[in-house]
Amino acid sequence: MPMHVSYNWLLVLLSYAVSVLGSFTSLQLAVAIPLATTPRQRTAAVAMAGGAMGLGAIWAMHFIAMLACDSGMHVTYAPSLTALSAVVAFAACSAGLMLVGDALFSWLRLLAAGSCMGLGVGAMHYLGMAAMMMPAVISYNAGLVVASLVIAIVASMAALWLAFNLRGPWQMVASALVMGFAVCGMHYTGMTAATFTDNGGQLPDGYADGLRGDNLGLTVFGIVGTLLVLMLVLHYWRQRYRSSISI
């Protein structure tokens, strides 16, 4: 019998907040990609912006929102699949930024980069779902799965376009708010596609060794939020330092 799902609204709000902060940080850091003069500088700029977007705006949002989901049963998360989902998110966002970061703009290139990034985000989401260990099985509505992937691709294309076409601080704030909404839209569409069915109380192997904790969502938000703020502070400090020595 399908199980009823409810949400912890504090964690839902925190998942949106970390997605907005990650999106804003990534948009700020992406400015350095086309300005890089050496392959090493470009790789570092892509990795920083890709990390902020992939690990902050997308993966942390996803994991916190997963913890916000209450299906009425105890759930733990397989560490290996959870870690793999984070790697996939980072790699997909970095690849998208790499594809459009140093070339003349074209809609075809943006579509390719957005598709790469969006499908990677989708893979991250469903890997994260597969990491759930609980006395239930998950089935999916194929139409909603496709819808979630389309949202991920469109949101990724928007993020990449914004990263290289907006420079004003208030424009970036507005863009980050929209991006946070789009990322959350993809996640909760994917969650709506899932149906949890009780399997009679049978726990999967490794259940006891999975990630869990009553305050895990708050902990992830605190750690990732702090790292994103530190990245922003370092970025602004480097900008001021470069401005001072160029005068």
C-alpha atoms as a PDB file:
ATOM      1  CA  MET A   1       0.000   0.000   0.000  1.00  0.00           C
ATOM      2  CA  PRO A   2       1.453   3.440  -0.926  1.00  0.00           C
ATOM      3  CA  MET A   3       2.644   5.463   2.045  1.00  0.00           C
ATOM      4  CA  HIS A   4       1.681   9.055   2.847  1.00  0.00           C
ATOM      5  CA  VAL A   5       4.548  11.559   2.675  1.00  0.00           C
ATOM      6  CA  SER A   6       4.792  14.823   4.618  1.00  0.00           C
ATOM      7  CA  TYR A   7       7.544  17.457   4.925  1.00  0.00           C
ATOM      8  CA  ASN A   8       9.468  19.273   7.628  1.00  0.00           C
ATOM      9  CA  TRP A   9       8.903  22.844   6.435  1.00  0.00           C
ATOM     10  CA  LEU A  10      11.944  24.234   8.247  1.00  0.00           C
ATOM     11  CA  LEU A  11      14.179  21.918   6.217  1.00  0.00           C
ATOM     12  CA  VAL A  12      12.235  22.748   3.047  1.00  0.00           C
ATOM     13  CA  LEU A  13      12.952  26.459   3.596  1.00  0.00           C
ATOM     14  CA  LEU A  14      16.602  25.745   4.416  1.00  0.00           C
ATOM     15  CA  SER A  15      16.932  23.678   1.234  1.00  0.00           C
ATOM     16  CA  TYR A  16      15.716  26.684  -0.777  1.00  0.00           C
ATOM     17  CA  ALA A  17      17.992  29.054   1.144  1.00  0.00           C
ATOM     18  CA  VAL A  18      21.121  26.975   0.490  1.00  0.00           C
ATOM     19  CA  SER A  19      20.165  26.672  -3.181  1.00  0.00           C
ATOM     20  CA  VAL A  20      19.864  30.458  -3.492  1.00  0.00           C
ATOM     21  CA  LEU A  21      23.159  31.015  -1.659  1.00  0.00           C
ATOM     22  CA  GLY A  22      24.909  28.413  -3.810  1.00  0.00           C
ATOM     23  CA  SER A  23      23.482  29.882  -7.014  1.00  0.00           C
ATOM     24  CA  PHE A  24      24.546  33.414  -6.059  1.00  0.00           C
ATOM     25  CA  THR A  25      28.039  32.236  -5.105  1.00  0.00           C
ATOM     26  CA  SER A  26      28.401  30.341  -8.374  1.00  0.00           C
ATOM     27  CA  LEU A  27      27.239  33.318 -10.436  1.00  0.00           C
ATOM     28  CA  GLN A  28      29.814  35.499  -8.699  1.00  0.00           C
ATOM     29  CA  LEU A  29      32.640  33.011  -9.186  1.00  0.00           C
ATOM     30  CA  ALA A  30      31.760  32.238 -12.820  1.00  0.00           C
ATOM     31  CA  VAL A  31      32.756  35.789 -13.779  1.00  0.00           C
ATOM     32  CA  ALA A  32      36.396  34.705 -13.431  1.00  0.00           C
ATOM     33  CA  ILE A  33      36.135  31.888 -16.005  1.00  0.00           C
ATOM     34  CA  PRO A  34      36.284  33.931 -19.237  1.00  0.00           C
ATOM     35  CA  LEU A  35      38.903  36.226 -17.645  1.00  0.00           C
ATOM     36  CA  ALA A  36      41.341  33.377 -16.930  1.00  0.00           C
ATOM     37  CA  THR A  37      44.575  33.760 -18.873  1.00  0.00           C
ATOM     38  CA  THR A  38      46.090  30.298 -18.254  1.00  0.00           C
ATOM     39  CA  PRO A  39      44.646  26.760 -18.287  1.00  0.00           C
ATOM     40  CA  ARG A  40      45.416  26.442 -14.575  1.00  0.00           C
ATOM     41  CA  GLN A  41      43.486  29.614 -13.717  1.00  0.00           C
ATOM     42  CA  ARG A  42      40.568  28.522 -15.888  1.00  0.00           C
ATOM     43  CA  THR A  43      40.434  25.060 -14.303  1.00  0.00           C
ATOM     44  CA  ALA A  44      40.472  26.592 -10.835  1.00  0.00           C
ATOM     45  CA  ALA A  45      37.715  29.073 -11.745  1.00  0.00           C
ATOM     46  CA  VAL A  46      35.543  26.317 -13.226  1.00  0.00           C
ATOM     47  CA  ALA A  47      36.107  24.081 -10.185  1.00  0.00           C
ATOM     48  CA  MET A  48      35.160  26.861  -7.756  1.00  0.00           C
ATOM     49  CA  ALA A  49      32.020  27.894  -9.637  1.00  0.00           C
ATOM     50  CA  GLY A  50      31.108  24.262 -10.350  1.00  0.00           C
ATOM     51  CA  GLY A  51      31.557  23.369  -6.703  1.00  0.00           C
ATOM     52  CA  ALA A  52      29.341  26.227  -5.534  1.00  0.00           C
ATOM     53  CA  MET A  53      26.611  25.300  -8.014  1.00  0.00           C
ATOM     54  CA  GLY A  54      26.906  21.507  -7.981  1.00  0.00           C
ATOM     55  CA  LEU A  55      27.625  20.883  -4.307  1.00  0.00           C
ATOM     56  CA  GLY A  56      25.992  23.957  -2.784  1.00  0.00           C
ATOM     57  CA  ALA A  57      23.028  25.004  -4.893  1.00  0.00           C
ATOM     58  CA  ILE A  58      22.073  21.519  -6.087  1.00  0.00           C
ATOM     59  CA  TRP A  59      23.436  18.615  -4.027  1.00  0.00           C
ATOM     60  CA  ALA A  60      23.070  20.222  -0.582  1.00  0.00           C
ATOM     61  CA  MET A  61      19.599  21.443  -1.538  1.00  0.00           C
ATOM     62  CA  HIS A  62      18.684  17.933  -2.633  1.00  0.00           C
ATOM     63  CA  PHE A  63      20.042  16.196   0.465  1.00  0.00           C
ATOM     64  CA  ILE A  64      18.445  18.629   2.910  1.00  0.00           C
ATOM     65  CA  ALA A  65      15.131  18.330   1.056  1.00  0.00           C
ATOM     66  CA  MET A  66      15.414  14.536   1.179  1.00  0.00           C
ATOM     67  CA  LEU A  67      15.826  14.769   4.943  1.00  0.00           C
ATOM     68  CA  ALA A  68      12.762  17.022   5.034  1.00  0.00           C
ATOM     69  CA  CYS A  69      10.688  14.174   3.583  1.00  0.00           C
ATOM     70  CA  ASP A  70       8.844  12.145   6.233  1.00  0.00           C
ATOM     71  CA  SER A  71       7.326   8.887   5.013  1.00  0.00           C
ATOM     72  CA  GLY A  72       6.554   7.663   8.523  1.00  0.00           C
ATOM     73  CA  MET A  73       9.498   5.257   8.660  1.00  0.00           C
ATOM     74  CA  HIS A  74      13.131   5.443   9.692  1.00  0.00           C
ATOM     75  CA  VAL A  75      15.424   6.086   6.727  1.00  0.00           C
ATOM     76  CA  THR A  76      19.198   5.941   6.432  1.00  0.00           C
ATOM     77  CA  TYR A  77      21.317   6.845   3.403  1.00  0.00           C
ATOM     78  CA  ALA A  78      23.969   4.661   1.788  1.00  0.00           C
ATOM     79  CA  PRO A  79      27.253   6.603   2.146  1.00  0.00           C
ATOM     80  CA  SER A  80      28.715   5.391  -1.163  1.00  0.00           C
ATOM     81  CA  LEU A  81      25.707   6.371  -3.292  1.00  0.00           C
ATOM     82  CA  THR A  82      25.297   9.651  -1.401  1.00  0.00           C
ATOM     83  CA  ALA A  83      28.946  10.524  -2.073  1.00  0.00           C
ATOM     84  CA  LEU A  84      28.614   9.451  -5.714  1.00  0.00           C
ATOM     85  CA  SER A  85      25.580  11.715  -6.155  1.00  0.00           C
ATOM     86  CA  ALA A  86      27.677  14.667  -4.902  1.00  0.00           C
ATOM     87  CA  VAL A  87      30.501  13.822  -7.333  1.00  0.00           C
ATOM     88  CA  VAL A  88      28.032  13.594 -10.229  1.00  0.00           C
ATOM     89  CA  ALA A  89      26.525  16.996  -9.356  1.00  0.00           C
ATOM     90  CA  PHE A  90      29.960  18.625  -9.177  1.00  0.00           C
ATOM     91  CA  ALA A  91      31.158  17.013 -12.419  1.00  0.00           C
ATOM     92  CA  ALA A  92      27.981  17.898 -14.343  1.00  0.00           C
ATOM     93  CA  CYS A  93      28.013  21.560 -13.295  1.00  0.00           C
ATOM     94  CA  SER A  94      31.742  21.903 -13.939  1.00  0.00           C
ATOM     95  CA  ALA A  95      31.346  20.346 -17.391  1.00  0.00           C
ATOM     96  CA  GLY A  96      28.531  22.744 -18.260  1.00  0.00           C
ATOM     97  CA  LEU A  97      30.570  25.750 -17.158  1.00  0.00           C
ATOM     98  CA  MET A  98      33.615  24.447 -19.044  1.00  0.00           C
ATOM     99  CA  LEU A  99      31.638  24.094 -22.282  1.00  0.00           C
ATOM    100  CA  VAL A 100      30.361  27.667 -22.341  1.00  0.00           C
ATOM    101  CA  GLY A 101      32.975  29.475 -20.271  1.00  0.00           C
ATOM    102  CA  ASP A 102      35.535  30.437 -22.890  1.00  0.00           C
ATOM    103  CA  ALA A 103      33.772  30.375 -26.227  1.00  0.00           C
ATOM    104  CA  LEU A 104      31.629  32.777 -28.214  1.00  0.00           C
ATOM    105  CA  PHE A 105      28.003  32.421 -27.205  1.00  0.00           C
ATOM    106  CA  SER A 106      25.726  30.218 -29.290  1.00  0.00           C
ATOM    107  CA  TRP A 107      22.354  28.706 -28.512  1.00  0.00           C
ATOM    108  CA  LEU A 108      23.572  25.310 -29.722  1.00  0.00           C
ATOM    109  CA  ARG A 109      26.504  25.347 -27.308  1.00  0.00           C
ATOM    110  CA  LEU A 110      24.201  26.506 -24.502  1.00  0.00           C
ATOM    111  CA  LEU A 111      21.778  23.664 -25.292  1.00  0.00           C
ATOM    112  CA  ALA A 112      24.593  21.106 -25.221  1.00  0.00           C
ATOM    113  CA  ALA A 113      26.004  22.458 -21.963  1.00  0.00           C
ATOM    114  CA  GLY A 114      22.571  22.754 -20.358  1.00  0.00           C
ATOM    115  CA  SER A 115      21.666  19.208 -21.382  1.00  0.00           C
ATOM    116  CA  CYS A 116      24.919  17.860 -19.957  1.00  0.00           C
ATOM    117  CA  MET A 117      24.413  19.729 -16.720  1.00  0.00           C
ATOM    118  CA  GLY A 118      20.669  19.030 -16.459  1.00  0.00           C
ATOM    119  CA  LEU A 119      20.976  15.297 -17.083  1.00  0.00           C
ATOM    120  CA  GLY A 120      23.800  15.186 -14.545  1.00  0.00           C
ATOM    121  CA  VAL A 121      21.589  16.931 -12.007  1.00  0.00           C
ATOM    122  CA  GLY A 122      18.837  14.415 -12.759  1.00  0.00           C
ATOM    123  CA  ALA A 123      21.277  11.542 -12.297  1.00  0.00           C
ATOM    124  CA  MET A 124      22.352  13.077  -8.981  1.00  0.00           C
ATOM    125  CA  HIS A 125      18.742  13.268  -7.804  1.00  0.00           C
ATOM    126  CA  TYR A 126      17.841   9.695  -8.641  1.00  0.00           C
ATOM    127  CA  LEU A 127      21.143   8.370  -7.265  1.00  0.00           C
ATOM    128  CA  GLY A 128      20.264  10.190  -4.059  1.00  0.00           C
ATOM    129  CA  MET A 129      16.864   8.505  -4.095  1.00  0.00           C
ATOM    130  CA  ALA A 130      18.513   5.128  -4.642  1.00  0.00           C
ATOM    131  CA  ALA A 131      20.687   5.821  -1.586  1.00  0.00           C
ATOM    132  CA  MET A 132      17.602   5.737   0.663  1.00  0.00           C
ATOM    133  CA  MET A 133      17.564   2.591   2.817  1.00  0.00           C
ATOM    134  CA  MET A 134      14.206   1.829   4.449  1.00  0.00           C
ATOM    135  CA  PRO A 135      11.571  -0.886   4.795  1.00  0.00           C
ATOM    136  CA  ALA A 136       9.874   0.154   1.552  1.00  0.00           C
ATOM    137  CA  VAL A 137      10.279   0.029  -2.196  1.00  0.00           C
ATOM    138  CA  ILE A 138      10.174   3.047  -4.519  1.00  0.00           C
ATOM    139  CA  SER A 139       8.343   3.138  -7.840  1.00  0.00           C
ATOM    140  CA  TYR A 140       8.204   6.059 -10.263  1.00  0.00           C
ATOM    141  CA  ASN A 141       5.726   7.813 -12.516  1.00  0.00           C
ATOM    142  CA  ALA A 142       7.598   7.899 -15.838  1.00  0.00           C
ATOM    143  CA  GLY A 143       5.904  11.092 -17.008  1.00  0.00           C
ATOM    144  CA  LEU A 144       6.898  13.016 -13.907  1.00  0.00           C
ATOM    145  CA  VAL A 145      10.451  11.663 -14.126  1.00  0.00           C
ATOM    146  CA  VAL A 146      10.713  13.045 -17.665  1.00  0.00           C
ATOM    147  CA  ALA A 147       9.210  16.334 -16.478  1.00  0.00           C
ATOM    148  CA  SER A 148      11.818  16.580 -13.713  1.00  0.00           C
ATOM    149  CA  LEU A 149      14.614  16.049 -16.257  1.00  0.00           C
ATOM    150  CA  VAL A 150      13.177  18.712 -18.573  1.00  0.00           C
ATOM    151  CA  ILE A 151      13.023  21.152 -15.641  1.00  0.00           C
ATOM    152  CA  ALA A 152      16.637  20.286 -14.767  1.00  0.00           C
ATOM    153  CA  ILE A 153      17.826  20.965 -18.337  1.00  0.00           C
ATOM    154  CA  VAL A 154      15.909  24.257 -18.657  1.00  0.00           C
ATOM    155  CA  ALA A 155      17.115  25.393 -15.225  1.00  0.00           C
ATOM    156  CA  SER A 156      20.693  24.480 -16.151  1.00  0.00           C
ATOM    157  CA  MET A 157      20.508  26.432 -19.408  1.00  0.00           C
ATOM    158  CA  ALA A 158      19.152  29.415 -17.484  1.00  0.00           C
ATOM    159  CA  ALA A 159      21.931  29.147 -14.887  1.00  0.00           C
ATOM    160  CA  LEU A 160      24.647  28.994 -17.537  1.00  0.00           C
ATOM    161  CA  TRP A 161      23.202  31.913 -19.513  1.00  0.00           C
ATOM    162  CA  LEU A 162      22.885  34.011 -16.362  1.00  0.00           C
ATOM    163  CA  ALA A 163      26.424  33.131 -15.261  1.00  0.00           C
ATOM    164  CA  PHE A 164      27.956  34.743 -18.345  1.00  0.00           C
ATOM    165  CA  ASN A 165      25.472  37.486 -19.199  1.00  0.00           C
ATOM    166  CA  LEU A 166      24.668  39.230 -15.913  1.00  0.00           C
ATOM    167  CA  ARG A 167      27.120  41.313 -13.916  1.00  0.00           C
ATOM    168  CA  GLY A 168      25.109  43.643 -11.657  1.00  0.00           C
ATOM    169  CA  PRO A 169      24.860  42.525  -8.004  1.00  0.00           C
ATOM    170  CA  TRP A 170      21.094  42.993  -7.794  1.00  0.00           C
ATOM    171  CA  GLN A 171      20.620  41.171 -11.072  1.00  0.00           C
ATOM    172  CA  MET A 172      22.596  38.279  -9.623  1.00  0.00           C
ATOM    173  CA  VAL A 173      20.509  38.291  -6.441  1.00  0.00           C
ATOM    174  CA  ALA A 174      17.298  38.133  -8.480  1.00  0.00           C
ATOM    175  CA  SER A 175      18.792  35.420 -10.685  1.00  0.00           C
ATOM    176  CA  ALA A 176      19.832  33.378  -7.647  1.00  0.00           C
ATOM    177  CA  LEU A 177      16.305  33.594  -6.226  1.00  0.00           C
ATOM    178  CA  VAL A 178      14.885  32.330  -9.521  1.00  0.00           C
ATOM    179  CA  MET A 179      17.532  29.605  -9.796  1.00  0.00           C
ATOM    180  CA  GLY A 180      16.805  28.411  -6.264  1.00  0.00           C
ATOM    181  CA  PHE A 181      13.140  28.109  -7.182  1.00  0.00           C
ATOM    182  CA  ALA A 182      13.988  26.196 -10.373  1.00  0.00           C
ATOM    183  CA  VAL A 183      16.327  23.751  -8.596  1.00  0.00           C
ATOM    184  CA  CYS A 184      13.707  23.109  -5.913  1.00  0.00           C
ATOM    185  CA  GLY A 185      11.086  22.677  -8.640  1.00  0.00           C
ATOM    186  CA  MET A 186      13.149  19.918 -10.223  1.00  0.00           C
ATOM    187  CA  HIS A 187      13.673  18.178  -6.877  1.00  0.00           C
ATOM    188  CA  TYR A 188      10.071  18.230  -5.723  1.00  0.00           C
ATOM    189  CA  THR A 189       8.810  17.181  -9.159  1.00  0.00           C
ATOM    190  CA  GLY A 190      11.145  14.190  -8.853  1.00  0.00           C
ATOM    191  CA  MET A 191       9.842  13.501  -5.362  1.00  0.00           C
ATOM    192  CA  THR A 192       6.248  13.689  -6.593  1.00  0.00           C
ATOM    193  CA  ALA A 193       7.166  11.069  -9.197  1.00  0.00           C
ATOM    194  CA  ALA A 194       8.090   8.624  -6.416  1.00  0.00           C
ATOM    195  CA  THR A 195       5.694   6.311  -4.617  1.00  0.00           C
ATOM    196  CA  PHE A 196       6.841   4.593  -1.418  1.00  0.00           C
ATOM    197  CA  THR A 197       5.290   1.192  -0.729  1.00  0.00           C
ATOM    198  CA  ASP A 198       5.756  -0.712   2.537  1.00  0.00           C
ATOM    199  CA  ASN A 199       7.604  -3.997   1.940  1.00  0.00           C
ATOM    200  CA  GLY A 200       6.498  -5.599   5.196  1.00  0.00           C
ATOM    201  CA  GLY A 201       9.253  -4.222   7.405  1.00  0.00           C
ATOM    202  CA  GLN A 202      12.197  -5.847   5.597  1.00  0.00           C
ATOM    203  CA  LEU A 203      15.316  -3.720   6.035  1.00  0.00           C
ATOM    204  CA  PRO A 204      17.975  -3.669   3.281  1.00  0.00           C
ATOM    205  CA  ASP A 205      21.547  -4.779   3.895  1.00  0.00           C
ATOM    206  CA  GLY A 206      23.705  -2.002   5.338  1.00  0.00           C
ATOM    207  CA  TYR A 207      20.747  -0.156   6.852  1.00  0.00           C
ATOM    208  CA  ALA A 208      22.430   0.181  10.257  1.00  0.00           C
ATOM    209  CA  ASP A 209      25.572   1.678   8.690  1.00  0.00           C
ATOM    210  CA  GLY A 210      23.740   4.355   6.711  1.00  0.00           C
ATOM    211  CA  LEU A 211      23.896   8.095   7.273  1.00  0.00           C
ATOM    212  CA  ARG A 212      21.270   9.305   9.715  1.00  0.00           C
ATOM    213  CA  GLY A 213      20.689  11.718  12.556  1.00  0.00           C
ATOM    214  CA  ASP A 214      17.923  13.908  13.903  1.00  0.00           C
ATOM    215  CA  ASN A 215      19.869  17.100  13.117  1.00  0.00           C
ATOM    216  CA  LEU A 216      21.611  15.953   9.937  1.00  0.00           C
ATOM    217  CA  GLY A 217      19.741  18.455   7.752  1.00  0.00           C
ATOM    218  CA  LEU A 218      20.670  21.384   9.988  1.00  0.00           C
ATOM    219  CA  THR A 219      24.274  20.144  10.101  1.00  0.00           C
ATOM    220  CA  VAL A 220      24.551  19.920   6.313  1.00  0.00           C
ATOM    221  CA  PHE A 221      23.023  23.387   5.961  1.00  0.00           C
ATOM    222  CA  GLY A 222      25.429  24.840   8.542  1.00  0.00           C
ATOM    223  CA  ILE A 223      28.542  23.304   6.976  1.00  0.00           C
ATOM    224  CA  VAL A 224      27.680  24.032   3.340  1.00  0.00           C
ATOM    225  CA  GLY A 225      26.339  27.506   4.116  1.00  0.00           C
ATOM    226  CA  THR A 226      29.523  28.404   5.981  1.00  0.00           C
ATOM    227  CA  LEU A 227      31.724  27.152   3.140  1.00  0.00           C
ATOM    228  CA  LEU A 228      29.735  29.139   0.562  1.00  0.00           C
ATOM    229  CA  VAL A 229      30.002  32.327   2.619  1.00  0.00           C
ATOM    230  CA  LEU A 230      33.762  31.787   2.988  1.00  0.00           C
ATOM    231  CA  MET A 231      34.044  31.334  -0.780  1.00  0.00           C
ATOM    232  CA  LEU A 232      32.210  34.632  -1.307  1.00  0.00           C
ATOM    233  CA  VAL A 233      34.404  36.451   1.220  1.00  0.00           C
ATOM    234  CA  LEU A 234      37.558  35.091  -0.428  1.00  0.00           C
ATOM    235  CA  HIS A 235      36.238  36.064  -3.862  1.00  0.00           C
ATOM    236  CA  TYR A 236      35.492  39.665  -2.789  1.00  0.00           C
ATOM    237  CA  TRP A 237      38.855  39.935  -0.988  1.00  0.00           C
ATOM    238  CA  ARG A 238      40.716  38.812  -4.112  1.00  0.00           C
ATOM    239  CA  GLN A 239      38.754  41.300  -6.232  1.00  0.00           C
ATOM    240  CA  ARG A 240      39.655  44.183  -3.897  1.00  0.00           C
ATOM    241  CA  TYR A 241      43.287  43.076  -3.759  1.00  0.00           C
ATOM    242  CA  ARG A 242      43.568  42.950  -7.548  1.00  0.00           C
ATOM    243  CA  SER A 243      41.918  46.367  -7.828  1.00  0.00           C
ATOM    244  CA  SER A 244      44.371  47.849  -5.313  1.00  0.00           C
ATOM    245  CA  ILE A 245      47.499  46.597  -7.090  1.00  0.00           C
ATOM    246  CA  SER A 246      46.240  47.699 -10.519  1.00  0.00           C
ATOM    247  CA  ILE A 247      45.887  51.326  -9.437  1.00  0.00           C
END
